[in-house]
Amino acid sequence: MSPRTTTETRARAAVTALSEPAAEAAITAATKILGLPTIRDEHARIAEAAARERLTHKAFLAEVLTAECESPRVWWRV
């Protein structure tokens, strides 16, 4: 088995199909644990806009992470 195949297999195994309520609960829990309040507050709005604009998954992720980084609540920014 090549290293690439192993990496791809691990990535696929990490993806789980979740219902909307389960996804919301997972996002809330993860953002609390990771200390990401902007993502917790804004993920639904950004997801709806991303769906309307037909963004790729990576583009959506970039939007969510950028929102967190640009938040005035990010106290650790230099």
N, C-alpha and C. Protein backbone atom coordinates (compact mmCIF):
# COMPACT_ATOMS: atom_id res chain seq x y z
N MET A 1 0.84 -1.17 0.00
CA MET A 1 0.00 0.00 0.00
C MET A 1 0.89 1.24 0.00
N SER A 2 0.61 2.17 -0.90
CA SER A 2 1.43 3.37 -1.00
C SER A 2 1.07 4.34 0.13
N PRO A 3 2.00 5.25 0.48
CA PRO A 3 1.70 6.24 1.52
C PRO A 3 0.49 7.09 1.18
N ARG A 4 0.30 7.39 -0.10
CA ARG A 4 -0.83 8.21 -0.51
C ARG A 4 -2.15 7.48 -0.24
N THR A 5 -2.20 6.22 -0.55
CA THR A 5 -3.40 5.43 -0.32
C THR A 5 -3.73 5.39 1.17
N THR A 6 -2.72 5.22 1.99
CA THR A 6 -2.93 5.20 3.43
C THR A 6 -3.51 6.52 3.91
N THR A 7 -2.97 7.64 3.44
CA THR A 7 -3.46 8.96 3.82
C THR A 7 -4.90 9.15 3.36
N GLU A 8 -5.19 8.77 2.12
CA GLU A 8 -6.55 8.90 1.60
C GLU A 8 -7.53 8.06 2.41
N THR A 9 -7.13 6.86 2.78
CA THR A 9 -7.99 5.98 3.57
C THR A 9 -8.27 6.60 4.93
N ARG A 10 -7.27 7.16 5.56
CA ARG A 10 -7.47 7.80 6.86
C ARG A 10 -8.41 8.99 6.74
N ALA A 11 -8.24 9.78 5.69
CA ALA A 11 -9.10 10.96 5.50
C ALA A 11 -10.54 10.53 5.30
N ARG A 12 -10.78 9.53 4.51
CA ARG A 12 -12.15 9.06 4.28
C ARG A 12 -12.74 8.48 5.55
N ALA A 13 -11.97 7.80 6.34
CA ALA A 13 -12.48 7.20 7.56
C ALA A 13 -12.88 8.27 8.58
N ALA A 14 -12.29 9.46 8.49
CA ALA A 14 -12.59 10.52 9.43
C ALA A 14 -13.90 11.24 9.10
N VAL A 15 -14.48 10.98 7.95
CA VAL A 15 -15.72 11.64 7.53
C VAL A 15 -16.90 10.77 7.92
N THR A 16 -17.86 11.38 8.61
CA THR A 16 -19.04 10.67 9.05
C THR A 16 -20.28 11.43 8.58
N ALA A 17 -21.24 10.74 8.04
CA ALA A 17 -22.49 11.37 7.64
C ALA A 17 -23.29 11.69 8.90
N LEU A 18 -23.60 12.97 9.09
CA LEU A 18 -24.35 13.40 10.27
C LEU A 18 -25.68 14.02 9.86
N SER A 19 -26.67 13.85 10.71
CA SER A 19 -27.92 14.56 10.49
C SER A 19 -27.68 16.04 10.82
N GLU A 20 -28.58 16.92 10.41
CA GLU A 20 -28.42 18.34 10.71
C GLU A 20 -28.32 18.60 12.22
N PRO A 21 -29.20 18.01 13.06
CA PRO A 21 -29.07 18.24 14.50
C PRO A 21 -27.74 17.72 15.06
N ALA A 22 -27.29 16.58 14.57
CA ALA A 22 -26.02 16.03 15.04
C ALA A 22 -24.86 16.91 14.60
N ALA A 23 -24.93 17.44 13.38
CA ALA A 23 -23.88 18.34 12.88
C ALA A 23 -23.84 19.61 13.72
N GLU A 24 -25.01 20.18 14.03
CA GLU A 24 -25.07 21.39 14.86
C GLU A 24 -24.46 21.12 16.23
N ALA A 25 -24.80 20.00 16.82
CA ALA A 25 -24.25 19.65 18.14
C ALA A 25 -22.74 19.47 18.07
N ALA A 26 -22.26 18.82 17.03
CA ALA A 26 -20.82 18.61 16.87
C ALA A 26 -20.08 19.93 16.68
N ILE A 27 -20.65 20.83 15.89
CA ILE A 27 -20.03 22.14 15.67
C ILE A 27 -19.99 22.93 16.96
N THR A 28 -21.10 22.94 17.68
CA THR A 28 -21.15 23.67 18.95
C THR A 28 -20.12 23.12 19.93
N ALA A 29 -20.06 21.82 20.08
CA ALA A 29 -19.10 21.22 21.01
C ALA A 29 -17.67 21.50 20.60
N ALA A 30 -17.36 21.30 19.33
CA ALA A 30 -15.98 21.49 18.86
C ALA A 30 -15.54 22.95 18.98
N THR A 31 -16.43 23.87 18.64
CA THR A 31 -16.04 25.28 18.71
C THR A 31 -15.87 25.75 20.15
N LYS A 32 -16.62 25.16 21.06
CA LYS A 32 -16.41 25.48 22.49
C LYS A 32 -15.07 24.94 22.96
N ILE A 33 -14.79 23.69 22.63
CA ILE A 33 -13.52 23.07 23.04
C ILE A 33 -12.33 23.82 22.45
N LEU A 34 -12.42 24.20 21.18
CA LEU A 34 -11.31 24.86 20.49
C LEU A 34 -11.27 26.37 20.70
N GLY A 35 -12.28 26.92 21.35
CA GLY A 35 -12.31 28.35 21.60
C GLY A 35 -12.49 29.17 20.33
N LEU A 36 -13.48 28.80 19.53
CA LEU A 36 -13.74 29.48 18.25
C LEU A 36 -15.15 30.08 18.27
N PRO A 37 -15.33 31.17 19.00
CA PRO A 37 -16.68 31.73 19.17
C PRO A 37 -17.30 32.27 17.89
N THR A 38 -16.52 32.83 17.00
CA THR A 38 -17.08 33.38 15.78
C THR A 38 -17.61 32.27 14.88
N ILE A 39 -16.86 31.19 14.76
CA ILE A 39 -17.34 30.06 13.97
C ILE A 39 -18.62 29.51 14.59
N ARG A 40 -18.66 29.40 15.91
CA ARG A 40 -19.86 28.91 16.59
C ARG A 40 -21.07 29.80 16.26
N ASP A 41 -20.86 31.11 16.27
CA ASP A 41 -21.97 32.05 16.05
C ASP A 41 -22.34 32.22 14.57
N GLU A 42 -21.38 32.10 13.68
CA GLU A 42 -21.59 32.47 12.28
C GLU A 42 -21.64 31.31 11.29
N HIS A 43 -21.38 30.08 11.72
CA HIS A 43 -21.27 28.98 10.77
C HIS A 43 -22.53 28.76 9.94
N ALA A 44 -23.69 28.88 10.53
CA ALA A 44 -24.94 28.64 9.78
C ALA A 44 -25.13 29.70 8.69
N ARG A 45 -24.90 30.96 9.03
CA ARG A 45 -25.05 32.04 8.06
C ARG A 45 -24.06 31.87 6.91
N ILE A 46 -22.82 31.54 7.25
CA ILE A 46 -21.79 31.37 6.21
C ILE A 46 -22.10 30.14 5.36
N ALA A 47 -22.59 29.08 5.98
CA ALA A 47 -22.94 27.86 5.22
C ALA A 47 -24.07 28.14 4.23
N GLU A 48 -25.07 28.89 4.67
CA GLU A 48 -26.18 29.23 3.76
C GLU A 48 -25.69 30.07 2.58
N ALA A 49 -24.84 31.05 2.86
CA ALA A 49 -24.29 31.89 1.79
C ALA A 49 -23.41 31.05 0.86
N ALA A 50 -22.63 30.15 1.42
CA ALA A 50 -21.76 29.29 0.61
C ALA A 50 -22.59 28.39 -0.31
N ALA A 51 -23.70 27.87 0.19
CA ALA A 51 -24.57 27.04 -0.64
C ALA A 51 -25.18 27.85 -1.78
N ARG A 52 -25.63 29.08 -1.48
CA ARG A 52 -26.19 29.95 -2.52
C ARG A 52 -25.17 30.26 -3.60
N GLU A 53 -23.93 30.49 -3.17
CA GLU A 53 -22.86 30.85 -4.10
C GLU A 53 -22.17 29.63 -4.71
N ARG A 54 -22.59 28.45 -4.28
CA ARG A 54 -22.02 27.19 -4.76
C ARG A 54 -20.50 27.12 -4.55
N LEU A 55 -20.09 27.50 -3.36
CA LEU A 55 -18.66 27.44 -3.02
C LEU A 55 -18.24 25.99 -2.84
N THR A 56 -16.98 25.72 -3.10
CA THR A 56 -16.44 24.39 -2.82
C THR A 56 -16.32 24.23 -1.31
N HIS A 57 -16.08 23.01 -0.87
CA HIS A 57 -15.89 22.76 0.55
C HIS A 57 -14.69 23.54 1.08
N LYS A 58 -13.63 23.57 0.30
CA LYS A 58 -12.42 24.31 0.73
C LYS A 58 -12.70 25.80 0.81
N ALA A 59 -13.45 26.33 -0.13
CA ALA A 59 -13.77 27.76 -0.10
C ALA A 59 -14.64 28.09 1.12
N PHE A 60 -15.59 27.21 1.43
CA PHE A 60 -16.41 27.39 2.63
C PHE A 60 -15.54 27.38 3.88
N LEU A 61 -14.66 26.41 3.96
CA LEU A 61 -13.76 26.33 5.11
C LEU A 61 -12.91 27.58 5.22
N ALA A 62 -12.41 28.07 4.11
CA ALA A 62 -11.62 29.30 4.10
C ALA A 62 -12.45 30.48 4.62
N GLU A 63 -13.70 30.56 4.20
CA GLU A 63 -14.58 31.65 4.66
C GLU A 63 -14.79 31.59 6.17
N VAL A 64 -15.05 30.40 6.68
CA VAL A 64 -15.30 30.24 8.12
C VAL A 64 -14.04 30.59 8.92
N LEU A 65 -12.91 30.09 8.49
CA LEU A 65 -11.66 30.36 9.21
C LEU A 65 -11.27 31.84 9.13
N THR A 66 -11.49 32.45 7.97
CA THR A 66 -11.20 33.88 7.82
C THR A 66 -12.07 34.70 8.75
N ALA A 67 -13.35 34.34 8.86
CA ALA A 67 -14.25 35.06 9.77
C ALA A 67 -13.73 34.99 11.20
N GLU A 68 -13.24 33.83 11.60
CA GLU A 68 -12.70 33.69 12.97
C GLU A 68 -11.45 34.54 13.14
N CYS A 69 -10.58 34.51 12.17
CA CYS A 69 -9.33 35.27 12.26
C CYS A 69 -9.57 36.78 12.28
N GLU A 70 -10.60 37.23 11.58
CA GLU A 70 -10.88 38.66 11.50
C GLU A 70 -11.76 39.18 12.64
N SER A 71 -12.20 38.29 13.48
CA SER A 71 -13.08 38.67 14.58
C SER A 71 -12.33 39.53 15.60
N PRO A 72 -12.98 40.60 16.09
CA PRO A 72 -12.35 41.40 17.13
C PRO A 72 -12.19 40.64 18.44
N ARG A 73 -12.88 39.50 18.55
CA ARG A 73 -12.79 38.68 19.77
C ARG A 73 -11.52 37.84 19.81
N VAL A 74 -10.74 37.86 18.75
CA VAL A 74 -9.52 37.05 18.71
C VAL A 74 -8.46 37.80 19.49
N TRP A 75 -8.32 37.45 20.74
CA TRP A 75 -7.41 38.17 21.65
C TRP A 75 -5.95 37.83 21.43
N TRP A 76 -5.67 36.69 20.80
CA TRP A 76 -4.29 36.24 20.66
C TRP A 76 -3.62 36.75 19.41
N ARG A 77 -4.35 37.53 18.59
CA ARG A 77 -3.74 38.07 17.38
C ARG A 77 -2.63 39.05 17.73
N VAL A 78 -1.62 39.07 16.92
CA VAL A 78 -0.51 40.01 17.15
C VAL A 78 -0.72 41.24 16.32
